[in-house]
Structures are given as structure tokens and as C-alpha cells.
Amino acid sequence: MSESLDKSEIRWVEKQHLHNTVLRAGQYPDNATPLDVYSVVNAGYGGYFLSFKNGEFEFVAFTD
């Protein structure tokens, strides 16, 4: 993931996860907090982090 995304801003790729969720995996700048990333990757119905460390994250976003 590190070589494919630009760490100067929060970016991610999205994959279908389950029936009503998507997996968003990406990178964030060193100064970003989990709340900063959550506010960008949340699909409007909430979600949760599977991982958040070393500038990379995996987030499960609930969809409709």
C-alpha cells in the first residue's frame, strides 16, 4: 500500500466487504488522528477501524 498512495493527504482504496459494508484501506499523514481519518472515510452510517498504525489504516464502513 505504501508505494501506491500519497501520504501527504488521507487517501484510500475501497473493496466490497460484506452485504452492507465496504473495506477502505489507505494511508494518512503523520499528523492525522483517528478522528481526522474517520471524518473522511465514514460513509455516513458509521464504521470502525480494523487497524490504525504507522501511517496506514483499514476501516470498515457501513453502507445502506
N, C-alpha and C. Protein backbone atom coordinates (compact mmCIF):
# COMPACT_ATOMS: atom_id res chain seq x y z
N MET A 1 0.82 -1.19 0.00
CA MET A 1 0.00 0.00 0.00
C MET A 1 0.87 1.25 0.00
N SER A 2 1.97 1.26 0.70
CA SER A 2 2.79 2.46 0.86
C SER A 2 3.23 3.07 -0.46
N GLU A 3 3.57 2.25 -1.44
CA GLU A 3 4.08 2.78 -2.69
C GLU A 3 2.97 3.26 -3.63
N SER A 4 1.72 2.85 -3.41
CA SER A 4 0.65 3.19 -4.34
C SER A 4 -0.13 4.44 -3.95
N LEU A 5 -0.04 4.88 -2.72
CA LEU A 5 -0.81 6.04 -2.28
C LEU A 5 0.10 7.14 -1.75
N ASP A 6 -0.34 8.37 -1.90
CA ASP A 6 0.40 9.55 -1.47
C ASP A 6 0.09 9.86 -0.01
N LYS A 7 1.10 9.87 0.86
CA LYS A 7 0.87 10.11 2.30
C LYS A 7 0.74 11.58 2.66
N SER A 8 0.71 12.47 1.68
CA SER A 8 0.56 13.88 2.02
C SER A 8 -0.88 14.23 2.39
N GLU A 9 -1.81 13.33 2.10
CA GLU A 9 -3.20 13.51 2.49
C GLU A 9 -3.84 12.13 2.72
N ILE A 10 -5.03 12.14 3.26
CA ILE A 10 -5.73 10.89 3.54
C ILE A 10 -6.29 10.34 2.22
N ARG A 11 -5.85 9.15 1.86
CA ARG A 11 -6.31 8.50 0.63
C ARG A 11 -6.53 7.03 0.91
N TRP A 12 -7.40 6.41 0.12
CA TRP A 12 -7.68 5.01 0.33
C TRP A 12 -8.17 4.36 -0.95
N VAL A 13 -8.19 3.04 -0.92
CA VAL A 13 -8.84 2.23 -1.94
C VAL A 13 -9.99 1.52 -1.26
N GLU A 14 -11.00 1.20 -2.03
CA GLU A 14 -12.22 0.63 -1.45
C GLU A 14 -12.52 -0.71 -2.10
N LYS A 15 -12.91 -1.67 -1.27
CA LYS A 15 -13.30 -3.00 -1.75
C LYS A 15 -14.58 -3.42 -1.05
N GLN A 16 -15.41 -4.17 -1.77
CA GLN A 16 -16.61 -4.70 -1.15
C GLN A 16 -16.20 -5.60 0.01
N HIS A 17 -16.91 -5.53 1.11
CA HIS A 17 -16.57 -6.30 2.29
C HIS A 17 -17.65 -7.33 2.57
N LEU A 18 -18.76 -6.90 3.09
CA LEU A 18 -19.91 -7.78 3.33
C LEU A 18 -21.12 -7.15 2.65
N HIS A 19 -22.31 -7.64 2.95
CA HIS A 19 -23.52 -7.15 2.29
C HIS A 19 -23.71 -5.65 2.44
N ASN A 20 -23.47 -5.12 3.60
CA ASN A 20 -23.72 -3.69 3.83
C ASN A 20 -22.49 -2.96 4.35
N THR A 21 -21.31 -3.43 3.98
CA THR A 21 -20.08 -2.75 4.38
C THR A 21 -19.08 -2.73 3.23
N VAL A 22 -18.16 -1.76 3.29
CA VAL A 22 -17.03 -1.71 2.37
C VAL A 22 -15.76 -1.58 3.21
N LEU A 23 -14.68 -2.12 2.72
CA LEU A 23 -13.39 -2.02 3.38
C LEU A 23 -12.61 -0.89 2.71
N ARG A 24 -12.19 0.07 3.49
CA ARG A 24 -11.39 1.17 2.98
C ARG A 24 -10.01 1.07 3.61
N ALA A 25 -9.02 0.82 2.78
CA ALA A 25 -7.64 0.68 3.25
C ALA A 25 -6.81 1.79 2.62
N GLY A 26 -6.02 2.47 3.44
CA GLY A 26 -5.24 3.56 2.88
C GLY A 26 -4.16 4.08 3.80
N GLN A 27 -3.77 5.31 3.53
CA GLN A 27 -2.69 5.96 4.26
C GLN A 27 -3.12 7.33 4.72
N TYR A 28 -2.45 7.82 5.75
CA TYR A 28 -2.74 9.13 6.30
C TYR A 28 -1.44 9.83 6.66
N PRO A 29 -1.44 11.17 6.67
CA PRO A 29 -0.25 11.93 7.06
C PRO A 29 0.12 11.65 8.52
N ASP A 30 1.36 11.85 8.86
CA ASP A 30 1.84 11.58 10.22
C ASP A 30 1.09 12.36 11.29
N ASN A 31 0.60 13.54 10.96
CA ASN A 31 -0.07 14.38 11.96
C ASN A 31 -1.58 14.11 12.07
N ALA A 32 -2.12 13.18 11.28
CA ALA A 32 -3.56 12.89 11.32
C ALA A 32 -3.90 12.00 12.51
N THR A 33 -5.05 12.27 13.10
CA THR A 33 -5.57 11.46 14.21
C THR A 33 -6.61 10.48 13.67
N PRO A 34 -6.96 9.47 14.47
CA PRO A 34 -8.05 8.57 14.03
C PRO A 34 -9.34 9.34 13.73
N LEU A 35 -9.64 10.37 14.48
CA LEU A 35 -10.85 11.16 14.23
C LEU A 35 -10.77 11.89 12.88
N ASP A 36 -9.58 12.40 12.54
CA ASP A 36 -9.39 13.04 11.23
C ASP A 36 -9.71 12.05 10.10
N VAL A 37 -9.16 10.85 10.21
CA VAL A 37 -9.36 9.84 9.18
C VAL A 37 -10.82 9.39 9.16
N TYR A 38 -11.39 9.16 10.33
CA TYR A 38 -12.79 8.74 10.42
C TYR A 38 -13.71 9.73 9.71
N SER A 39 -13.47 11.01 9.91
CA SER A 39 -14.35 12.02 9.31
C SER A 39 -14.29 12.00 7.78
N VAL A 40 -13.22 11.49 7.21
CA VAL A 40 -13.08 11.42 5.76
C VAL A 40 -13.60 10.10 5.19
N VAL A 41 -13.35 8.99 5.87
CA VAL A 41 -13.70 7.67 5.30
C VAL A 41 -15.07 7.15 5.72
N ASN A 42 -15.71 7.78 6.69
CA ASN A 42 -17.03 7.36 7.12
C ASN A 42 -18.01 7.52 5.96
N ALA A 43 -18.80 6.49 5.70
CA ALA A 43 -19.76 6.51 4.58
C ALA A 43 -21.09 7.13 4.99
N GLY A 44 -21.19 7.65 6.18
CA GLY A 44 -22.43 8.27 6.63
C GLY A 44 -23.22 7.42 7.59
N TYR A 45 -22.88 6.15 7.69
CA TYR A 45 -23.60 5.24 8.58
C TYR A 45 -22.70 4.69 9.69
N GLY A 46 -21.50 5.23 9.80
CA GLY A 46 -20.57 4.77 10.83
C GLY A 46 -19.63 3.70 10.32
N GLY A 47 -18.87 3.17 11.24
CA GLY A 47 -17.89 2.14 10.90
C GLY A 47 -16.88 2.00 12.01
N TYR A 48 -15.84 1.24 11.73
CA TYR A 48 -14.81 1.01 12.75
C TYR A 48 -13.48 0.68 12.08
N PHE A 49 -12.40 0.96 12.79
CA PHE A 49 -11.06 0.66 12.31
C PHE A 49 -10.70 -0.79 12.63
N LEU A 50 -10.20 -1.48 11.63
CA LEU A 50 -9.58 -2.79 11.87
C LEU A 50 -8.14 -2.58 12.31
N SER A 51 -7.50 -1.57 11.73
CA SER A 51 -6.14 -1.22 12.14
C SER A 51 -5.91 0.27 11.86
N PHE A 52 -5.01 0.85 12.64
CA PHE A 52 -4.63 2.25 12.50
C PHE A 52 -3.25 2.41 13.11
N LYS A 53 -2.22 2.29 12.27
CA LYS A 53 -0.85 2.41 12.80
C LYS A 53 0.14 2.66 11.67
N ASN A 54 1.24 3.27 12.02
CA ASN A 54 2.35 3.52 11.09
C ASN A 54 1.93 4.17 9.79
N GLY A 55 0.96 5.08 9.85
CA GLY A 55 0.55 5.81 8.66
C GLY A 55 -0.41 5.07 7.75
N GLU A 56 -0.86 3.89 8.15
CA GLU A 56 -1.79 3.12 7.33
C GLU A 56 -3.01 2.71 8.15
N PHE A 57 -4.13 2.51 7.48
CA PHE A 57 -5.35 2.10 8.18
C PHE A 57 -6.19 1.16 7.33
N GLU A 58 -7.05 0.44 8.02
CA GLU A 58 -8.12 -0.34 7.40
C GLU A 58 -9.38 0.01 8.17
N PHE A 59 -10.41 0.40 7.45
CA PHE A 59 -11.64 0.86 8.04
C PHE A 59 -12.82 0.14 7.40
N VAL A 60 -13.71 -0.38 8.20
CA VAL A 60 -14.94 -0.99 7.69
C VAL A 60 -16.03 0.06 7.80
N ALA A 61 -16.57 0.48 6.66
CA ALA A 61 -17.62 1.50 6.61
C ALA A 61 -18.96 0.84 6.34
N PHE A 62 -19.95 1.20 7.15
CA PHE A 62 -21.31 0.70 6.95
C PHE A 62 -21.96 1.50 5.83
N THR A 63 -22.66 0.80 4.95
CA THR A 63 -23.38 1.44 3.85
C THR A 63 -24.87 1.10 3.99
N ASP A 64 -25.68 1.65 3.12
CA ASP A 64 -27.12 1.36 3.21
C ASP A 64 -27.50 0.10 2.49
